[in-house]
Amino acid sequence: MEILLAIMTGVLYAAGIYLILRRSLVKLIIGIVILGNGVNLLIFLMGGLVKERPPLIPEDGKMLEGVFADPVPQALILTAIVISFGLQSFAIVLIKRAYKVLKTDDIDTLNKTDDIT
């Protein structure tokens, strides 16, 4: 299972970087979203996959015993999801405004808009 998720992480990284290198701002944002999902999956894999072993201390015990799921990567992923949602929202509004003013989403055209006021 970990091999399949590692391959999926590589596919998400490749697709995200490919879309980031395109000339359209919309594809740039989609690439950033896909790359962010790849990073989240990588962080999840670094915590290890453990089935049916939540990190809960039993009532009669004083510490965890055996192999258990690490909650820190899961908390980091939740934080990263919230931050990426804010970034995506801001970027979508920014692209919408740029398209409304300049009537294009081509990055090369946006670099040549010095004479437009």
Foldseek 3Di string as FASTA:
>chain_A
DLVVLVVVLVVLLVCLVVQCPDFFLVSVLVSVVSNLVSVLSVLQPVQPDDPPAAQDADPPDDHDDDDHGDCVSVVVSVVSVVVSVVVSVVSVVVQVVCCVQVVGRGNVVVVVCPVPD
